[in-house]
Amino acid sequence: MEHLLLGVLAEGSSHEATLLKNCGLDVDTLRAHIDAVYANTPLSREDDPPLSRQAEECVQNAIAMITYYLTRHRPSAKVAPNQLILSIIAHPGNLRLQTAYPIRVATLRQQLIADMEPEFLRHSDKLLLSLRSQPARASQERHTEIHHKHHTSQENAVDKSELTCSACQQPIQAAWKYCAYCGHQPAKICPHCSAPPWPGPDSASSAAINSIKAPTLSHQPGLARHYYNTTNRAD
């Protein structure tokens, strides 16, 4: 987005270009900053490369600033270079320029807003201030998206293991009891945690469970009478 400032400087004799030069943000300074920041970024080979996402956001924010005049003085609802520069130096993605030249950027901002209407300035400051919370929201959205992709990839891995024979690795159908390729009996797994099914009690456990006998009511008259009275009691 720093290239947008070079575009303003290219006008040469404009008021905003003069402000940039007087604040020490001339062509040589900005080009040196751009070369240092984007040293590892491959250059575009296009004759007319498109704007980056952040540069487009700067333009859109400048347009949002002048919407203040749409219901007040429509002829003034035009994006001026000073509004575009304010949008650029206030963008969260331009923190490197603000950190490298904090005094120059602050001085430039004070000179740009010197002749602005107080109400328009409050509108612009409120708009630009809201941009500072966007990186936190974007970070949270990226975290949520990454978590969703990770969860989805785990589910897809489980689905793939269910539809592949563990013996011959051939694709099988979920309804198959035996693999049609090798005859292996596929083991079903839990779709949530990939755990194998519980095999049930072994023979020793089954014998222990079967050895537990319920009380015989015929040999316990008192218990039988109580059971009869309880089950036949009118509600």
C-alpha atoms as a PDB file:
ATOM      1  CA  MET A   1       0.000   0.000   0.000  1.00  0.00           C
ATOM      2  CA  GLU A   2       3.054   2.286   0.340  1.00  0.00           C
ATOM      3  CA  HIS A   3       3.056   2.421  -3.451  1.00  0.00           C
ATOM      4  CA  LEU A   4      -0.105   4.541  -3.233  1.00  0.00           C
ATOM      5  CA  LEU A   5       1.971   7.219  -1.500  1.00  0.00           C
ATOM      6  CA  LEU A   6       4.431   7.076  -4.387  1.00  0.00           C
ATOM      7  CA  GLY A   7       1.473   7.673  -6.689  1.00  0.00           C
ATOM      8  CA  VAL A   8       0.614  10.840  -4.759  1.00  0.00           C
ATOM      9  CA  LEU A   9       4.239  11.978  -4.926  1.00  0.00           C
ATOM     10  CA  ALA A  10       4.224  11.361  -8.680  1.00  0.00           C
ATOM     11  CA  GLU A  11       1.855  14.299  -9.065  1.00  0.00           C
ATOM     12  CA  GLY A  12       4.788  16.505  -8.133  1.00  0.00           C
ATOM     13  CA  SER A  13       3.254  19.924  -7.583  1.00  0.00           C
ATOM     14  CA  SER A  14       0.157  18.924  -5.615  1.00  0.00           C
ATOM     15  CA  HIS A  15      -0.341  20.178  -2.069  1.00  0.00           C
ATOM     16  CA  GLU A  16      -0.307  16.646  -0.639  1.00  0.00           C
ATOM     17  CA  ALA A  17       2.901  15.747  -2.485  1.00  0.00           C
ATOM     18  CA  THR A  18       4.527  18.848  -1.009  1.00  0.00           C
ATOM     19  CA  LEU A  19       3.380  17.834   2.488  1.00  0.00           C
ATOM     20  CA  LEU A  20       4.876  14.372   2.062  1.00  0.00           C
ATOM     21  CA  LYS A  21       8.211  15.848   1.001  1.00  0.00           C
ATOM     22  CA  ASN A  22       8.247  18.437   3.803  1.00  0.00           C
ATOM     23  CA  CYS A  23       7.567  15.690   6.370  1.00  0.00           C
ATOM     24  CA  GLY A  24      10.530  13.653   5.162  1.00  0.00           C
ATOM     25  CA  LEU A  25       8.471  11.041   3.325  1.00  0.00           C
ATOM     26  CA  ASP A  26       9.853  11.738  -0.119  1.00  0.00           C
ATOM     27  CA  VAL A  27      10.316   9.331  -3.012  1.00  0.00           C
ATOM     28  CA  ASP A  28      13.778   8.141  -1.969  1.00  0.00           C
ATOM     29  CA  THR A  29      12.707   7.484   1.631  1.00  0.00           C
ATOM     30  CA  LEU A  30       9.593   5.574   0.631  1.00  0.00           C
ATOM     31  CA  ARG A  31      11.415   3.534  -2.008  1.00  0.00           C
ATOM     32  CA  ALA A  32      14.100   2.536   0.506  1.00  0.00           C
ATOM     33  CA  HIS A  33      11.391   1.544   2.980  1.00  0.00           C
ATOM     34  CA  ILE A  34       9.515  -0.459   0.341  1.00  0.00           C
ATOM     35  CA  ASP A  35      12.690  -2.250  -0.779  1.00  0.00           C
ATOM     36  CA  ALA A  36      13.466  -3.233   2.824  1.00  0.00           C
ATOM     37  CA  VAL A  37       9.949  -4.396   3.672  1.00  0.00           C
ATOM     38  CA  TYR A  38       9.250  -6.294   0.454  1.00  0.00           C
ATOM     39  CA  ALA A  39      12.753  -7.612  -0.218  1.00  0.00           C
ATOM     40  CA  ASN A  40      11.572 -11.227  -0.178  1.00  0.00           C
ATOM     41  CA  THR A  41       8.356 -10.569  -2.100  1.00  0.00           C
ATOM     42  CA  PRO A  42       8.503 -11.532  -5.794  1.00  0.00           C
ATOM     43  CA  LEU A  43       7.838  -8.657  -8.150  1.00  0.00           C
ATOM     44  CA  SER A  44       4.817  -8.751 -10.422  1.00  0.00           C
ATOM     45  CA  ARG A  45       5.568  -9.357 -14.085  1.00  0.00           C
ATOM     46  CA  GLU A  46       2.318  -7.786 -15.256  1.00  0.00           C
ATOM     47  CA  ASP A  47       2.327  -4.513 -17.156  1.00  0.00           C
ATOM     48  CA  ASP A  48      -0.586  -3.223 -15.087  1.00  0.00           C
ATOM     49  CA  PRO A  49      -0.585  -5.219 -11.815  1.00  0.00           C
ATOM     50  CA  PRO A  50      -3.750  -5.058  -9.703  1.00  0.00           C
ATOM     51  CA  LEU A  51      -3.882  -3.398  -6.301  1.00  0.00           C
ATOM     52  CA  SER A  52      -3.150  -5.544  -3.292  1.00  0.00           C
ATOM     53  CA  ARG A  53      -5.955  -6.360  -0.874  1.00  0.00           C
ATOM     54  CA  GLN A  54      -4.642  -3.830   1.652  1.00  0.00           C
ATOM     55  CA  ALA A  55      -4.327  -1.121  -0.991  1.00  0.00           C
ATOM     56  CA  GLU A  56      -7.916  -1.732  -2.065  1.00  0.00           C
ATOM     57  CA  GLU A  57      -8.982  -1.450   1.574  1.00  0.00           C
ATOM     58  CA  CYS A  58      -7.254   1.935   1.802  1.00  0.00           C
ATOM     59  CA  VAL A  59      -9.174   3.172  -1.230  1.00  0.00           C
ATOM     60  CA  GLN A  60     -12.465   1.797   0.116  1.00  0.00           C
ATOM     61  CA  ASN A  61     -11.847   3.418   3.503  1.00  0.00           C
ATOM     62  CA  ALA A  62     -11.189   6.760   1.845  1.00  0.00           C
ATOM     63  CA  ILE A  63     -14.482   6.401  -0.030  1.00  0.00           C
ATOM     64  CA  ALA A  64     -16.224   5.580   3.261  1.00  0.00           C
ATOM     65  CA  MET A  65     -14.810   8.773   4.757  1.00  0.00           C
ATOM     66  CA  ILE A  66     -16.403  11.054   2.168  1.00  0.00           C
ATOM     67  CA  THR A  67     -19.848   9.450   2.581  1.00  0.00           C
ATOM     68  CA  TYR A  68     -20.171  12.047   5.348  1.00  0.00           C
ATOM     69  CA  TYR A  69     -20.904  14.622   2.636  1.00  0.00           C
ATOM     70  CA  LEU A  70     -23.516  12.592   0.741  1.00  0.00           C
ATOM     71  CA  THR A  71     -26.369  13.949   2.876  1.00  0.00           C
ATOM     72  CA  ARG A  72     -24.743  17.312   3.666  1.00  0.00           C
ATOM     73  CA  HIS A  73     -22.960  18.702   0.622  1.00  0.00           C
ATOM     74  CA  ARG A  74     -22.964  16.238  -2.241  1.00  0.00           C
ATOM     75  CA  PRO A  75     -20.470  18.155  -4.459  1.00  0.00           C
ATOM     76  CA  SER A  76     -17.869  17.601  -1.715  1.00  0.00           C
ATOM     77  CA  ALA A  77     -18.393  13.825  -1.789  1.00  0.00           C
ATOM     78  CA  LYS A  78     -15.219  13.210  -3.772  1.00  0.00           C
ATOM     79  CA  VAL A  79     -12.126  11.388  -2.589  1.00  0.00           C
ATOM     80  CA  ALA A  80      -9.254  13.831  -2.268  1.00  0.00           C
ATOM     81  CA  PRO A  81      -5.566  12.886  -1.984  1.00  0.00           C
ATOM     82  CA  ASN A  82      -5.420  14.014   1.654  1.00  0.00           C
ATOM     83  CA  GLN A  83      -8.210  11.596   2.580  1.00  0.00           C
ATOM     84  CA  LEU A  84      -6.471   8.761   0.753  1.00  0.00           C
ATOM     85  CA  ILE A  85      -3.207   9.509   2.583  1.00  0.00           C
ATOM     86  CA  LEU A  86      -5.023   9.509   5.946  1.00  0.00           C
ATOM     87  CA  SER A  87      -6.501   6.133   5.102  1.00  0.00           C
ATOM     88  CA  ILE A  88      -3.075   4.770   4.129  1.00  0.00           C
ATOM     89  CA  ILE A  89      -1.151   5.901   7.217  1.00  0.00           C
ATOM     90  CA  ALA A  90      -3.960   4.734   9.530  1.00  0.00           C
ATOM     91  CA  HIS A  91      -4.312   1.270   8.003  1.00  0.00           C
ATOM     92  CA  PRO A  92      -3.365  -1.547  10.450  1.00  0.00           C
ATOM     93  CA  GLY A  93      -1.243  -3.192   7.778  1.00  0.00           C
ATOM     94  CA  ASN A  94       0.955  -0.094   7.518  1.00  0.00           C
ATOM     95  CA  LEU A  95       2.332  -0.441  11.035  1.00  0.00           C
ATOM     96  CA  ARG A  96       5.874  -0.866   9.704  1.00  0.00           C
ATOM     97  CA  LEU A  97       5.877   2.618   8.193  1.00  0.00           C
ATOM     98  CA  GLN A  98       4.388   4.092  11.376  1.00  0.00           C
ATOM     99  CA  THR A  99       7.052   2.334  13.462  1.00  0.00           C
ATOM    100  CA  ALA A 100       9.938   3.327  11.188  1.00  0.00           C
ATOM    101  CA  TYR A 101       8.955   7.020  10.984  1.00  0.00           C
ATOM    102  CA  PRO A 102       6.588   7.780  13.898  1.00  0.00           C
ATOM    103  CA  ILE A 103       7.328  11.533  14.110  1.00  0.00           C
ATOM    104  CA  ARG A 104       7.109  12.055  10.352  1.00  0.00           C
ATOM    105  CA  VAL A 105       3.812  10.192  10.094  1.00  0.00           C
ATOM    106  CA  ALA A 106       2.332  12.076  13.078  1.00  0.00           C
ATOM    107  CA  THR A 107       3.436  15.427  11.649  1.00  0.00           C
ATOM    108  CA  LEU A 108       1.984  14.537   8.259  1.00  0.00           C
ATOM    109  CA  ARG A 109      -1.356  13.640   9.828  1.00  0.00           C
ATOM    110  CA  GLN A 110      -1.548  16.914  11.770  1.00  0.00           C
ATOM    111  CA  GLN A 111      -0.941  18.920   8.610  1.00  0.00           C
ATOM    112  CA  LEU A 112      -3.499  16.911   6.619  1.00  0.00           C
ATOM    113  CA  ILE A 113      -6.316  17.455   9.128  1.00  0.00           C
ATOM    114  CA  ALA A 114      -5.519  21.120   9.801  1.00  0.00           C
ATOM    115  CA  ASP A 115      -8.187  22.438   7.407  1.00  0.00           C
ATOM    116  CA  MET A 116     -10.798  19.688   7.844  1.00  0.00           C
ATOM    117  CA  GLU A 117     -14.233  20.367   9.303  1.00  0.00           C
ATOM    118  CA  PRO A 118     -14.509  19.221  12.953  1.00  0.00           C
ATOM    119  CA  GLU A 119     -17.582  17.069  12.274  1.00  0.00           C
ATOM    120  CA  PHE A 120     -15.983  15.425   9.256  1.00  0.00           C
ATOM    121  CA  LEU A 121     -12.807  14.829  11.243  1.00  0.00           C
ATOM    122  CA  ARG A 122     -14.773  13.110  14.031  1.00  0.00           C
ATOM    123  CA  HIS A 123     -16.509  10.960  11.425  1.00  0.00           C
ATOM    124  CA  SER A 124     -13.168  10.033   9.844  1.00  0.00           C
ATOM    125  CA  ASP A 125     -11.450   9.340  13.179  1.00  0.00           C
ATOM    126  CA  LYS A 126     -14.295   7.058  14.251  1.00  0.00           C
ATOM    127  CA  LEU A 127     -14.067   5.179  10.967  1.00  0.00           C
ATOM    128  CA  LEU A 128     -10.284   4.808  11.064  1.00  0.00           C
ATOM    129  CA  LEU A 129     -10.342   3.848  14.750  1.00  0.00           C
ATOM    130  CA  SER A 130     -12.653   0.951  13.951  1.00  0.00           C
ATOM    131  CA  LEU A 131      -9.974  -0.438  11.629  1.00  0.00           C
ATOM    132  CA  ARG A 132      -7.659  -1.134  14.560  1.00  0.00           C
ATOM    133  CA  SER A 133      -9.958  -3.868  15.855  1.00  0.00           C
ATOM    134  CA  GLN A 134     -10.035  -5.645  12.499  1.00  0.00           C
ATOM    135  CA  PRO A 135      -6.729  -7.566  12.910  1.00  0.00           C
ATOM    136  CA  ALA A 136      -7.989  -9.153  16.175  1.00  0.00           C
ATOM    137  CA  ARG A 137     -11.235 -10.206  14.514  1.00  0.00           C
ATOM    138  CA  ALA A 138      -9.365 -11.486  11.475  1.00  0.00           C
ATOM    139  CA  SER A 139      -7.017 -13.472  13.727  1.00  0.00           C
ATOM    140  CA  GLN A 140      -9.971 -15.035  15.540  1.00  0.00           C
ATOM    141  CA  GLU A 141     -11.631 -15.884  12.229  1.00  0.00           C
ATOM    142  CA  ARG A 142      -8.427 -17.508  10.975  1.00  0.00           C
ATOM    143  CA  HIS A 143      -8.137 -19.520  14.208  1.00  0.00           C
ATOM    144  CA  THR A 144     -11.740 -20.693  13.841  1.00  0.00           C
ATOM    145  CA  GLU A 145     -11.181 -21.584  10.183  1.00  0.00           C
ATOM    146  CA  ILE A 146      -7.995 -23.534  10.973  1.00  0.00           C
ATOM    147  CA  HIS A 147      -9.750 -25.408  13.791  1.00  0.00           C
ATOM    148  CA  HIS A 148     -12.642 -26.257  11.466  1.00  0.00           C
ATOM    149  CA  LYS A 149     -10.283 -27.503   8.741  1.00  0.00           C
ATOM    150  CA  HIS A 150      -8.355 -29.614  11.264  1.00  0.00           C
ATOM    151  CA  HIS A 151     -11.572 -31.145  12.605  1.00  0.00           C
ATOM    152  CA  THR A 152     -12.830 -31.794   9.073  1.00  0.00           C
ATOM    153  CA  SER A 153      -9.545 -33.416   8.047  1.00  0.00           C
ATOM    154  CA  GLN A 154      -9.755 -35.751  11.045  1.00  0.00           C
ATOM    155  CA  GLU A 155     -13.299 -36.755  10.105  1.00  0.00           C
ATOM    156  CA  ASN A 156     -12.235 -37.319   6.508  1.00  0.00           C
ATOM    157  CA  ALA A 157      -9.347 -39.505   7.691  1.00  0.00           C
ATOM    158  CA  VAL A 158     -11.748 -41.601   9.756  1.00  0.00           C
ATOM    159  CA  ASP A 159     -14.160 -41.906   6.849  1.00  0.00           C
ATOM    160  CA  LYS A 160     -11.309 -43.006   4.576  1.00  0.00           C
ATOM    161  CA  SER A 161     -10.193 -45.689   7.035  1.00  0.00           C
ATOM    162  CA  GLU A 162     -13.756 -47.005   7.262  1.00  0.00           C
ATOM    163  CA  LEU A 163     -14.035 -47.327   3.498  1.00  0.00           C
ATOM    164  CA  THR A 164     -10.659 -49.025   2.987  1.00  0.00           C
ATOM    165  CA  CYS A 165      -9.859 -52.641   3.758  1.00  0.00           C
ATOM    166  CA  SER A 166      -7.159 -52.780   6.427  1.00  0.00           C
ATOM    167  CA  ALA A 167      -5.736 -55.977   4.890  1.00  0.00           C
ATOM    168  CA  CYS A 168      -5.507 -55.234   1.165  1.00  0.00           C
ATOM    169  CA  GLN A 169      -6.133 -51.449   1.216  1.00  0.00           C
ATOM    170  CA  GLN A 170      -8.812 -51.782  -1.449  1.00  0.00           C
ATOM    171  CA  PRO A 171     -11.891 -49.546  -1.324  1.00  0.00           C
ATOM    172  CA  ILE A 172     -14.876 -51.178   0.332  1.00  0.00           C
ATOM    173  CA  GLN A 173     -18.439 -50.231   1.126  1.00  0.00           C
ATOM    174  CA  ALA A 174     -19.658 -49.601   4.643  1.00  0.00           C
ATOM    175  CA  ALA A 175     -22.356 -52.287   4.335  1.00  0.00           C
ATOM    176  CA  TRP A 176     -19.898 -55.053   3.435  1.00  0.00           C
ATOM    177  CA  LYS A 177     -19.351 -57.714   6.093  1.00  0.00           C
ATOM    178  CA  TYR A 178     -16.348 -59.089   4.222  1.00  0.00           C
ATOM    179  CA  CYS A 179     -13.926 -57.523   1.765  1.00  0.00           C
ATOM    180  CA  ALA A 180     -14.831 -58.545  -1.779  1.00  0.00           C
ATOM    181  CA  TYR A 181     -11.148 -58.511  -2.754  1.00  0.00           C
ATOM    182  CA  CYS A 182      -9.458 -60.555  -0.029  1.00  0.00           C
ATOM    183  CA  GLY A 183     -12.286 -61.846   2.172  1.00  0.00           C
ATOM    184  CA  HIS A 184     -11.041 -59.975   5.237  1.00  0.00           C
ATOM    185  CA  GLN A 185     -13.716 -58.956   7.730  1.00  0.00           C
ATOM    186  CA  PRO A 186     -13.388 -55.191   8.159  1.00  0.00           C
ATOM    187  CA  ALA A 187     -13.500 -53.885  11.702  1.00  0.00           C
ATOM    188  CA  LYS A 188     -15.869 -51.021  12.303  1.00  0.00           C
ATOM    189  CA  ILE A 189     -14.491 -48.082  14.236  1.00  0.00           C
ATOM    190  CA  CYS A 190     -16.045 -45.152  16.040  1.00  0.00           C
ATOM    191  CA  PRO A 191     -16.532 -42.232  13.583  1.00  0.00           C
ATOM    192  CA  HIS A 192     -15.691 -39.752  16.358  1.00  0.00           C
ATOM    193  CA  CYS A 193     -12.573 -41.144  18.037  1.00  0.00           C
ATOM    194  CA  SER A 194     -11.519 -44.054  15.754  1.00  0.00           C
ATOM    195  CA  ALA A 195     -11.782 -46.502  18.676  1.00  0.00           C
ATOM    196  CA  PRO A 196     -12.615 -50.151  17.853  1.00  0.00           C
ATOM    197  CA  PRO A 197     -15.983 -51.489  19.013  1.00  0.00           C
ATOM    198  CA  TRP A 198     -16.300 -53.065  22.468  1.00  0.00           C
ATOM    199  CA  PRO A 199     -16.016 -56.824  21.920  1.00  0.00           C
ATOM    200  CA  GLY A 200     -18.392 -57.625  24.779  1.00  0.00           C
ATOM    201  CA  PRO A 201     -17.699 -59.728  27.871  1.00  0.00           C
ATOM    202  CA  ASP A 202     -15.334 -62.669  27.548  1.00  0.00           C
ATOM    203  CA  SER A 203     -16.296 -66.221  28.502  1.00  0.00           C
ATOM    204  CA  ALA A 204     -15.118 -65.829  32.085  1.00  0.00           C
ATOM    205  CA  SER A 205     -17.130 -62.648  32.545  1.00  0.00           C
ATOM    206  CA  SER A 206     -20.183 -64.237  30.934  1.00  0.00           C
ATOM    207  CA  ALA A 207     -19.933 -67.246  33.297  1.00  0.00           C
ATOM    208  CA  ALA A 208     -19.687 -64.929  36.285  1.00  0.00           C
ATOM    209  CA  ILE A 209     -22.720 -62.959  35.157  1.00  0.00           C
ATOM    210  CA  ASN A 210     -24.751 -66.124  34.520  1.00  0.00           C
ATOM    211  CA  SER A 211     -23.883 -67.470  37.983  1.00  0.00           C
ATOM    212  CA  ILE A 212     -25.770 -64.617  39.609  1.00  0.00           C
ATOM    213  CA  LYS A 213     -29.312 -65.913  40.218  1.00  0.00           C
ATOM    214  CA  ALA A 214     -32.355 -63.907  41.105  1.00  0.00           C
ATOM    215  CA  PRO A 215     -34.081 -64.741  44.401  1.00  0.00           C
ATOM    216  CA  THR A 216     -36.717 -67.486  44.212  1.00  0.00           C
ATOM    217  CA  LEU A 217     -39.962 -66.086  45.538  1.00  0.00           C
ATOM    218  CA  SER A 218     -41.542 -69.530  46.106  1.00  0.00           C
ATOM    219  CA  HIS A 219     -39.065 -70.269  48.932  1.00  0.00           C
ATOM    220  CA  GLN A 220     -39.540 -66.889  50.594  1.00  0.00           C
ATOM    221  CA  PRO A 221     -43.230 -66.532  51.535  1.00  0.00           C
ATOM    222  CA  GLY A 222     -42.808 -63.133  53.156  1.00  0.00           C
ATOM    223  CA  LEU A 223     -41.018 -61.685  50.135  1.00  0.00           C
ATOM    224  CA  ALA A 224     -43.567 -63.248  47.790  1.00  0.00           C
ATOM    225  CA  ARG A 225     -46.448 -61.718  49.768  1.00  0.00           C
ATOM    226  CA  HIS A 226     -44.748 -58.308  49.719  1.00  0.00           C
ATOM    227  CA  TYR A 227     -44.117 -58.569  45.968  1.00  0.00           C
ATOM    228  CA  TYR A 228     -47.762 -59.538  45.366  1.00  0.00           C
ATOM    229  CA  ASN A 229     -49.103 -56.643  47.444  1.00  0.00           C
ATOM    230  CA  THR A 230     -46.776 -54.191  45.732  1.00  0.00           C
ATOM    231  CA  THR A 231     -47.547 -55.209  42.167  1.00  0.00           C
ATOM    232  CA  ASN A 232     -51.298 -55.470  42.692  1.00  0.00           C
ATOM    233  CA  ARG A 233     -51.739 -52.311  44.752  1.00  0.00           C
ATOM    234  CA  ALA A 234     -54.288 -49.908  43.309  1.00  0.00           C
ATOM    235  CA  ASP A 235     -52.811 -46.494  42.445  1.00  0.00           C
END
